[in-house]
Amino acid sequence: MSAAELFLSSDSLNPIDMVETLAAHHDWDFDRMNEDQIAVAMEGLWRTYSLSLALAPNEHMLRLICTFEMDPPETTMPALYETISRANDMVWSGAFSYWESQRLMVWRYGLLLSEDQPAGIDQIERMITSALSASERFYPAFQLVAWADHSPSAALDIALAEAVGRA
């Protein structure tokens, strides 16, 4: 049974309820913080990513933040910021930033909601998988710049190369 079919049995249109349904359906670890916020942990190829989704009713927005810890050496920060900027030029569905005080790489996305057309569970699932996909796609480039002394351009070229098969 699909997540959409599971959710159709519910009367709720609350996007956070939909995220909880998705998390349970996919067996993701989650913690419902309150009525308007949920935290989800998702295993990726490179690491575990922390997602937080929050409903901002005053802004009619569902906010998604996908984070992973990153503590690069101070000397690599200018190159890392350049890599983030270049990565953001390659994506349209959100943006990376680096929260220095928390030492976190962050993927941010805001889904504007309409009172006439609420978000659907398929749209929310796509939003979550897009965040994970972007994080997985660019994680190697951030690592190469921070710890392997690669230039932003070279790191992005290596990280974005399509691999065929597995070693």
N, C-alpha and C. Protein backbone atom coordinates (compact mmCIF):
# COMPACT_ATOMS: atom_id res chain seq x y z
N MET A 1 0.85 -1.18 0.00
CA MET A 1 0.00 0.00 0.00
C MET A 1 0.89 1.23 0.00
N SER A 2 0.55 2.19 -0.83
CA SER A 2 1.35 3.42 -0.93
C SER A 2 1.07 4.33 0.26
N ALA A 3 2.00 5.26 0.48
CA ALA A 3 1.81 6.23 1.56
C ALA A 3 0.57 7.06 1.32
N ALA A 4 0.31 7.40 0.06
CA ALA A 4 -0.88 8.19 -0.26
C ALA A 4 -2.15 7.42 0.11
N GLU A 5 -2.18 6.13 -0.18
CA GLU A 5 -3.35 5.31 0.17
C GLU A 5 -3.51 5.20 1.68
N LEU A 6 -2.39 5.09 2.40
CA LEU A 6 -2.46 5.05 3.86
C LEU A 6 -3.05 6.33 4.41
N PHE A 7 -2.62 7.45 3.84
CA PHE A 7 -3.06 8.74 4.37
C PHE A 7 -4.49 9.07 3.98
N LEU A 8 -4.98 8.55 2.87
CA LEU A 8 -6.33 8.86 2.43
C LEU A 8 -7.39 8.45 3.44
N SER A 9 -7.05 7.49 4.30
CA SER A 9 -8.01 7.07 5.32
C SER A 9 -8.13 8.09 6.45
N SER A 10 -7.28 9.11 6.45
CA SER A 10 -7.30 10.13 7.49
C SER A 10 -8.03 11.38 6.99
N ASP A 11 -8.62 12.11 7.92
CA ASP A 11 -9.31 13.35 7.57
C ASP A 11 -8.39 14.57 7.66
N SER A 12 -7.17 14.38 8.14
CA SER A 12 -6.27 15.50 8.40
C SER A 12 -5.63 16.03 7.13
N LEU A 13 -5.52 17.35 7.05
CA LEU A 13 -4.79 17.99 5.97
C LEU A 13 -3.52 18.65 6.50
N ASN A 14 -3.19 18.38 7.77
CA ASN A 14 -2.00 18.95 8.37
C ASN A 14 -0.76 18.31 7.74
N PRO A 15 0.11 19.11 7.11
CA PRO A 15 1.29 18.54 6.47
C PRO A 15 2.20 17.77 7.42
N ILE A 16 2.24 18.16 8.68
CA ILE A 16 3.09 17.45 9.65
C ILE A 16 2.52 16.06 9.92
N ASP A 17 1.19 15.93 9.93
CA ASP A 17 0.58 14.61 10.04
C ASP A 17 0.97 13.75 8.84
N MET A 18 1.03 14.37 7.67
CA MET A 18 1.42 13.63 6.47
C MET A 18 2.86 13.15 6.57
N VAL A 19 3.74 14.01 7.09
CA VAL A 19 5.14 13.63 7.26
C VAL A 19 5.24 12.46 8.25
N GLU A 20 4.47 12.52 9.31
CA GLU A 20 4.47 11.42 10.28
C GLU A 20 4.01 10.12 9.63
N THR A 21 2.99 10.21 8.79
CA THR A 21 2.50 9.03 8.07
C THR A 21 3.60 8.48 7.15
N LEU A 22 4.28 9.37 6.44
CA LEU A 22 5.38 8.96 5.57
C LEU A 22 6.50 8.30 6.37
N ALA A 23 6.87 8.91 7.48
CA ALA A 23 7.96 8.38 8.30
C ALA A 23 7.61 6.98 8.82
N ALA A 24 6.39 6.81 9.27
CA ALA A 24 5.97 5.49 9.75
C ALA A 24 5.94 4.48 8.60
N HIS A 25 5.44 4.91 7.45
CA HIS A 25 5.34 4.03 6.28
C HIS A 25 6.72 3.56 5.80
N HIS A 26 7.71 4.47 5.82
CA HIS A 26 9.06 4.14 5.35
C HIS A 26 9.96 3.62 6.47
N ASP A 27 9.42 3.54 7.68
CA ASP A 27 10.17 3.06 8.84
C ASP A 27 11.37 3.96 9.16
N TRP A 28 11.19 5.29 8.96
CA TRP A 28 12.21 6.26 9.34
C TRP A 28 12.05 6.57 10.82
N ASP A 29 13.16 6.82 11.50
CA ASP A 29 13.09 7.28 12.89
C ASP A 29 12.55 8.70 12.89
N PHE A 30 11.61 8.98 13.76
CA PHE A 30 11.06 10.34 13.83
C PHE A 30 10.63 10.67 15.24
N ASP A 31 10.53 11.96 15.50
CA ASP A 31 10.07 12.47 16.79
C ASP A 31 9.16 13.64 16.51
N ARG A 32 7.91 13.49 16.88
CA ARG A 32 6.94 14.57 16.70
C ARG A 32 7.15 15.56 17.82
N MET A 33 7.69 16.72 17.49
CA MET A 33 8.02 17.73 18.50
C MET A 33 6.77 18.39 19.07
N ASN A 34 5.86 18.75 18.19
CA ASN A 34 4.59 19.33 18.57
C ASN A 34 3.66 19.24 17.36
N GLU A 35 2.52 19.88 17.43
CA GLU A 35 1.56 19.80 16.33
C GLU A 35 2.11 20.31 15.01
N ASP A 36 3.04 21.25 15.08
CA ASP A 36 3.54 21.90 13.87
C ASP A 36 4.99 21.59 13.52
N GLN A 37 5.60 20.57 14.16
CA GLN A 37 6.99 20.27 13.87
C GLN A 37 7.30 18.80 14.10
N ILE A 38 8.15 18.26 13.22
CA ILE A 38 8.59 16.88 13.33
C ILE A 38 10.06 16.79 12.93
N ALA A 39 10.80 15.91 13.60
CA ALA A 39 12.20 15.65 13.26
C ALA A 39 12.29 14.21 12.76
N VAL A 40 13.05 14.03 11.67
CA VAL A 40 13.19 12.72 11.05
C VAL A 40 14.67 12.45 10.81
N ALA A 41 15.10 11.22 11.08
CA ALA A 41 16.47 10.79 10.77
C ALA A 41 16.40 9.83 9.60
N MET A 42 17.22 10.10 8.58
CA MET A 42 17.22 9.26 7.38
C MET A 42 18.63 8.81 7.07
N GLU A 43 18.78 7.51 6.83
CA GLU A 43 20.07 6.95 6.45
C GLU A 43 20.33 7.23 4.98
N GLY A 44 21.48 7.78 4.70
CA GLY A 44 21.90 7.97 3.32
C GLY A 44 23.09 7.08 3.04
N LEU A 45 23.63 7.19 1.86
CA LEU A 45 24.81 6.43 1.49
C LEU A 45 26.02 6.90 2.28
N TRP A 46 26.13 8.22 2.48
CA TRP A 46 27.31 8.78 3.13
C TRP A 46 27.18 8.90 4.63
N ARG A 47 25.95 9.12 5.13
CA ARG A 47 25.76 9.34 6.56
C ARG A 47 24.28 9.39 6.91
N THR A 48 23.96 9.61 8.16
CA THR A 48 22.58 9.82 8.59
C THR A 48 22.30 11.32 8.54
N TYR A 49 21.19 11.67 7.92
CA TYR A 49 20.80 13.08 7.78
C TYR A 49 19.65 13.37 8.73
N SER A 50 19.67 14.55 9.31
CA SER A 50 18.61 14.98 10.21
C SER A 50 17.71 15.96 9.46
N LEU A 51 16.43 15.64 9.41
CA LEU A 51 15.47 16.52 8.75
C LEU A 51 14.52 17.07 9.80
N SER A 52 14.20 18.32 9.66
CA SER A 52 13.19 18.95 10.49
C SER A 52 12.19 19.62 9.56
N LEU A 53 10.93 19.31 9.77
CA LEU A 53 9.87 19.96 8.99
C LEU A 53 8.97 20.69 9.97
N ALA A 54 8.69 21.93 9.65
CA ALA A 54 7.89 22.77 10.53
C ALA A 54 6.87 23.53 9.71
N LEU A 55 5.67 23.58 10.23
CA LEU A 55 4.60 24.35 9.60
C LEU A 55 4.63 25.76 10.18
N ALA A 56 4.73 26.74 9.29
CA ALA A 56 4.71 28.15 9.69
C ALA A 56 3.39 28.73 9.20
N PRO A 57 2.31 28.59 10.00
CA PRO A 57 0.99 28.99 9.53
C PRO A 57 0.86 30.47 9.16
N ASN A 58 1.58 31.33 9.85
CA ASN A 58 1.50 32.77 9.54
C ASN A 58 2.07 33.07 8.17
N GLU A 59 3.02 32.24 7.72
CA GLU A 59 3.64 32.44 6.42
C GLU A 59 3.05 31.51 5.36
N HIS A 60 2.12 30.64 5.76
CA HIS A 60 1.55 29.64 4.85
C HIS A 60 2.67 28.86 4.17
N MET A 61 3.55 28.29 5.01
CA MET A 61 4.73 27.61 4.48
C MET A 61 5.05 26.38 5.30
N LEU A 62 5.49 25.33 4.58
CA LEU A 62 6.07 24.15 5.21
C LEU A 62 7.57 24.27 5.00
N ARG A 63 8.32 24.40 6.09
CA ARG A 63 9.76 24.57 6.02
C ARG A 63 10.45 23.22 6.24
N LEU A 64 11.44 22.95 5.41
CA LEU A 64 12.23 21.75 5.56
C LEU A 64 13.69 22.15 5.72
N ILE A 65 14.33 21.55 6.71
CA ILE A 65 15.77 21.74 6.92
C ILE A 65 16.37 20.36 7.03
N CYS A 66 17.36 20.09 6.19
CA CYS A 66 18.10 18.82 6.23
C CYS A 66 19.53 19.17 6.62
N THR A 67 20.03 18.59 7.70
CA THR A 67 21.35 18.94 8.19
C THR A 67 22.26 17.73 8.32
N PHE A 68 23.55 18.01 8.26
CA PHE A 68 24.55 17.03 8.66
C PHE A 68 25.73 17.79 9.25
N GLU A 69 26.36 17.16 10.24
CA GLU A 69 27.47 17.80 10.92
C GLU A 69 28.67 17.92 10.00
N MET A 70 29.34 19.03 10.14
CA MET A 70 30.54 19.26 9.36
C MET A 70 31.39 20.25 10.13
N ASP A 71 32.61 19.87 10.43
CA ASP A 71 33.51 20.71 11.21
C ASP A 71 34.81 20.92 10.45
N PRO A 72 34.74 21.67 9.34
CA PRO A 72 35.93 21.83 8.50
C PRO A 72 36.98 22.72 9.16
N PRO A 73 38.23 22.51 8.78
CA PRO A 73 39.27 23.41 9.29
C PRO A 73 39.00 24.85 8.85
N GLU A 74 39.32 25.77 9.68
CA GLU A 74 39.08 27.19 9.40
C GLU A 74 39.73 27.63 8.09
N THR A 75 40.88 27.06 7.78
CA THR A 75 41.60 27.46 6.56
C THR A 75 40.86 27.09 5.28
N THR A 76 39.94 26.13 5.35
CA THR A 76 39.22 25.71 4.15
C THR A 76 37.87 26.41 3.98
N MET A 77 37.49 27.26 4.92
CA MET A 77 36.17 27.89 4.88
C MET A 77 35.93 28.72 3.61
N PRO A 78 36.87 29.54 3.15
CA PRO A 78 36.60 30.28 1.90
C PRO A 78 36.29 29.36 0.72
N ALA A 79 37.05 28.29 0.57
CA ALA A 79 36.80 27.34 -0.52
C ALA A 79 35.47 26.60 -0.31
N LEU A 80 35.14 26.31 0.94
CA LEU A 80 33.86 25.64 1.21
C LEU A 80 32.69 26.56 0.85
N TYR A 81 32.79 27.83 1.21
CA TYR A 81 31.72 28.77 0.85
C TYR A 81 31.60 28.90 -0.68
N GLU A 82 32.71 28.88 -1.38
CA GLU A 82 32.65 28.92 -2.84
C GLU A 82 31.98 27.65 -3.38
N THR A 83 32.27 26.51 -2.78
CA THR A 83 31.66 25.25 -3.21
C THR A 83 30.16 25.28 -2.97
N ILE A 84 29.75 25.80 -1.83
CA ILE A 84 28.32 25.93 -1.53
C ILE A 84 27.64 26.81 -2.58
N SER A 85 28.26 27.93 -2.90
CA SER A 85 27.70 28.85 -3.90
C SER A 85 27.57 28.16 -5.25
N ARG A 86 28.60 27.44 -5.67
CA ARG A 86 28.56 26.73 -6.95
C ARG A 86 27.51 25.61 -6.93
N ALA A 87 27.41 24.91 -5.82
CA ALA A 87 26.40 23.85 -5.70
C ALA A 87 25.01 24.45 -5.81
N ASN A 88 24.78 25.58 -5.16
CA ASN A 88 23.47 26.23 -5.23
C ASN A 88 23.11 26.67 -6.64
N ASP A 89 24.12 27.00 -7.45
CA ASP A 89 23.86 27.34 -8.84
C ASP A 89 23.40 26.14 -9.66
N MET A 90 23.63 24.94 -9.13
CA MET A 90 23.30 23.72 -9.87
C MET A 90 21.94 23.14 -9.47
N VAL A 91 21.30 23.69 -8.48
CA VAL A 91 20.02 23.16 -8.00
C VAL A 91 18.95 24.25 -7.99
N TRP A 92 17.70 23.84 -8.10
CA TRP A 92 16.59 24.79 -8.11
C TRP A 92 15.60 24.53 -6.98
N SER A 93 15.67 23.38 -6.36
CA SER A 93 14.63 23.01 -5.40
C SER A 93 14.97 23.34 -3.96
N GLY A 94 16.00 24.10 -3.72
CA GLY A 94 16.39 24.46 -2.36
C GLY A 94 17.77 25.08 -2.41
N ALA A 95 18.39 25.22 -1.24
CA ALA A 95 19.71 25.83 -1.20
C ALA A 95 20.48 25.34 0.02
N PHE A 96 21.80 25.24 -0.15
CA PHE A 96 22.69 24.91 0.95
C PHE A 96 23.15 26.18 1.64
N SER A 97 23.41 26.05 2.91
CA SER A 97 24.12 27.09 3.65
C SER A 97 24.90 26.38 4.76
N TYR A 98 25.81 27.10 5.36
CA TYR A 98 26.60 26.53 6.44
C TYR A 98 26.36 27.35 7.69
N TRP A 99 25.89 26.68 8.74
CA TRP A 99 25.64 27.35 10.02
C TRP A 99 26.89 27.16 10.87
N GLU A 100 27.74 28.16 10.86
CA GLU A 100 29.05 28.05 11.50
C GLU A 100 28.95 27.80 13.00
N SER A 101 28.05 28.49 13.69
CA SER A 101 27.98 28.33 15.14
C SER A 101 27.54 26.92 15.55
N GLN A 102 26.73 26.27 14.74
CA GLN A 102 26.30 24.90 15.03
C GLN A 102 27.17 23.86 14.34
N ARG A 103 28.05 24.30 13.44
CA ARG A 103 28.91 23.42 12.65
C ARG A 103 28.09 22.43 11.84
N LEU A 104 27.07 22.98 11.16
CA LEU A 104 26.15 22.16 10.37
C LEU A 104 26.08 22.64 8.93
N MET A 105 26.08 21.68 8.01
CA MET A 105 25.73 21.96 6.63
C MET A 105 24.22 21.82 6.57
N VAL A 106 23.57 22.74 5.87
CA VAL A 106 22.11 22.80 5.89
C VAL A 106 21.57 22.90 4.47
N TRP A 107 20.57 22.08 4.19
CA TRP A 107 19.77 22.18 2.95
C TRP A 107 18.43 22.75 3.38
N ARG A 108 18.02 23.87 2.80
CA ARG A 108 16.77 24.52 3.19
C ARG A 108 15.81 24.59 2.01
N TYR A 109 14.54 24.41 2.33
CA TYR A 109 13.50 24.52 1.32
C TYR A 109 12.22 24.93 2.01
N GLY A 110 11.47 25.81 1.36
CA GLY A 110 10.17 26.22 1.88
C GLY A 110 9.09 25.98 0.84
N LEU A 111 8.10 25.21 1.20
CA LEU A 111 6.97 24.93 0.31
C LEU A 111 5.84 25.89 0.66
N LEU A 112 5.52 26.79 -0.26
CA LEU A 112 4.42 27.72 -0.05
C LEU A 112 3.11 26.97 -0.14
N LEU A 113 2.25 27.19 0.82
CA LEU A 113 0.97 26.51 0.88
C LEU A 113 -0.16 27.45 0.52
N SER A 114 -1.20 26.88 -0.02
CA SER A 114 -2.38 27.65 -0.39
C SER A 114 -3.56 27.13 0.42
N GLU A 115 -4.42 28.03 0.85
CA GLU A 115 -5.61 27.60 1.59
C GLU A 115 -6.55 26.81 0.68
N ASP A 116 -6.56 27.16 -0.60
CA ASP A 116 -7.44 26.49 -1.55
C ASP A 116 -6.91 25.14 -2.01
N GLN A 117 -5.59 24.98 -2.00
CA GLN A 117 -4.97 23.76 -2.51
C GLN A 117 -3.90 23.31 -1.51
N PRO A 118 -4.27 22.53 -0.50
CA PRO A 118 -3.27 22.08 0.48
C PRO A 118 -2.25 21.14 -0.16
N ALA A 119 -1.11 21.03 0.48
CA ALA A 119 -0.05 20.14 -0.01
C ALA A 119 -0.53 18.70 0.06
N GLY A 120 -0.14 17.92 -0.92
CA GLY A 120 -0.46 16.50 -0.94
C GLY A 120 0.70 15.69 -0.39
N ILE A 121 0.39 14.47 0.01
CA ILE A 121 1.42 13.63 0.60
C ILE A 121 2.50 13.29 -0.41
N ASP A 122 2.13 13.12 -1.68
CA ASP A 122 3.14 12.85 -2.71
C ASP A 122 4.09 14.03 -2.88
N GLN A 123 3.56 15.24 -2.80
CA GLN A 123 4.38 16.45 -2.92
C GLN A 123 5.33 16.55 -1.73
N ILE A 124 4.86 16.24 -0.55
CA ILE A 124 5.70 16.31 0.65
C ILE A 124 6.77 15.22 0.60
N GLU A 125 6.41 14.03 0.14
CA GLU A 125 7.40 12.96 0.02
C GLU A 125 8.49 13.36 -0.98
N ARG A 126 8.10 13.98 -2.08
CA ARG A 126 9.07 14.43 -3.08
C ARG A 126 9.99 15.50 -2.49
N MET A 127 9.45 16.37 -1.67
CA MET A 127 10.24 17.41 -1.01
C MET A 127 11.31 16.78 -0.11
N ILE A 128 10.94 15.76 0.64
CA ILE A 128 11.87 15.08 1.54
C ILE A 128 12.94 14.32 0.75
N THR A 129 12.53 13.57 -0.27
CA THR A 129 13.50 12.80 -1.05
C THR A 129 14.43 13.73 -1.84
N SER A 130 13.94 14.88 -2.25
CA SER A 130 14.76 15.86 -2.95
C SER A 130 15.85 16.40 -2.02
N ALA A 131 15.50 16.65 -0.77
CA ALA A 131 16.48 17.13 0.21
C ALA A 131 17.57 16.08 0.44
N LEU A 132 17.16 14.84 0.60
CA LEU A 132 18.13 13.76 0.80
C LEU A 132 19.01 13.60 -0.44
N SER A 133 18.40 13.66 -1.60
CA SER A 133 19.14 13.52 -2.85
C SER A 133 20.19 14.62 -3.02
N ALA A 134 19.81 15.86 -2.75
CA ALA A 134 20.76 16.98 -2.87
C ALA A 134 21.90 16.82 -1.86
N SER A 135 21.58 16.42 -0.65
CA SER A 135 22.62 16.24 0.38
C SER A 135 23.59 15.14 -0.03
N GLU A 136 23.06 14.03 -0.52
CA GLU A 136 23.90 12.92 -0.97
C GLU A 136 24.75 13.32 -2.18
N ARG A 137 24.16 14.08 -3.07
CA ARG A 137 24.84 14.47 -4.30
C ARG A 137 26.05 15.36 -4.03
N PHE A 138 25.92 16.30 -3.08
CA PHE A 138 26.98 17.27 -2.86
C PHE A 138 27.86 16.99 -1.65
N TYR A 139 27.50 16.04 -0.82
CA TYR A 139 28.31 15.69 0.35
C TYR A 139 29.77 15.41 -0.04
N PRO A 140 30.03 14.58 -1.07
CA PRO A 140 31.43 14.31 -1.41
C PRO A 140 32.21 15.58 -1.79
N ALA A 141 31.59 16.49 -2.49
CA ALA A 141 32.29 17.73 -2.87
C ALA A 141 32.66 18.54 -1.65
N PHE A 142 31.74 18.66 -0.70
CA PHE A 142 32.04 19.42 0.52
C PHE A 142 33.20 18.77 1.28
N GLN A 143 33.19 17.44 1.34
CA GLN A 143 34.26 16.72 2.03
C GLN A 143 35.61 16.91 1.33
N LEU A 144 35.61 16.80 0.01
CA LEU A 144 36.86 16.94 -0.74
C LEU A 144 37.48 18.32 -0.58
N VAL A 145 36.64 19.34 -0.54
CA VAL A 145 37.15 20.71 -0.35
C VAL A 145 37.63 20.91 1.08
N ALA A 146 36.89 20.41 2.04
CA ALA A 146 37.22 20.65 3.45
C ALA A 146 38.45 19.86 3.92
N TRP A 147 38.61 18.63 3.45
CA TRP A 147 39.66 17.79 4.02
C TRP A 147 40.67 17.24 3.03
N ALA A 148 40.43 17.34 1.74
CA ALA A 148 41.37 16.75 0.77
C ALA A 148 42.02 17.80 -0.12
N ASP A 149 41.82 19.06 0.23
CA ASP A 149 42.49 20.17 -0.47
C ASP A 149 42.17 20.23 -1.96
N HIS A 150 40.94 19.81 -2.34
CA HIS A 150 40.51 19.94 -3.74
C HIS A 150 39.95 21.35 -3.96
N SER A 151 40.08 21.83 -5.17
CA SER A 151 39.45 23.11 -5.50
C SER A 151 37.94 22.87 -5.60
N PRO A 152 37.13 23.90 -5.41
CA PRO A 152 35.68 23.73 -5.54
C PRO A 152 35.29 23.14 -6.89
N SER A 153 35.89 23.62 -7.95
CA SER A 153 35.57 23.13 -9.28
C SER A 153 35.90 21.65 -9.43
N ALA A 154 37.09 21.24 -9.02
CA ALA A 154 37.50 19.84 -9.13
C ALA A 154 36.64 18.95 -8.24
N ALA A 155 36.32 19.41 -7.04
CA ALA A 155 35.51 18.61 -6.13
C ALA A 155 34.11 18.39 -6.69
N LEU A 156 33.53 19.43 -7.26
CA LEU A 156 32.19 19.28 -7.84
C LEU A 156 32.23 18.38 -9.08
N ASP A 157 33.28 18.46 -9.86
CA ASP A 157 33.41 17.57 -11.02
C ASP A 157 33.47 16.11 -10.59
N ILE A 158 34.26 15.83 -9.58
CA ILE A 158 34.39 14.46 -9.08
C ILE A 158 33.10 13.98 -8.44
N ALA A 159 32.49 14.83 -7.62
CA ALA A 159 31.28 14.44 -6.89
C ALA A 159 30.10 14.22 -7.82
N LEU A 160 30.07 14.92 -8.93
CA LEU A 160 28.91 14.82 -9.82
C LEU A 160 29.09 13.81 -10.94
N ALA A 161 30.28 13.21 -11.02
CA ALA A 161 30.49 12.21 -12.06
C ALA A 161 29.61 11.00 -11.79
N GLU A 162 28.99 10.50 -12.81
CA GLU A 162 28.11 9.34 -12.69
C GLU A 162 28.97 8.09 -12.59
N ALA A 163 28.80 7.34 -11.52
CA ALA A 163 29.51 6.08 -11.36
C ALA A 163 28.66 4.96 -11.96
N VAL A 164 29.34 4.00 -12.53
CA VAL A 164 28.64 2.84 -13.08
C VAL A 164 29.07 1.64 -12.26
N GLY A 165 28.10 1.01 -11.58
CA GLY A 165 28.42 -0.15 -10.76
C GLY A 165 29.05 0.26 -9.44
N ARG A 166 29.54 -0.74 -8.73
CA ARG A 166 30.18 -0.52 -7.43
C ARG A 166 31.46 -1.31 -7.35
N ALA A 167 32.42 -0.77 -6.63
CA ALA A 167 33.69 -1.47 -6.45
C ALA A 167 33.58 -2.46 -5.32
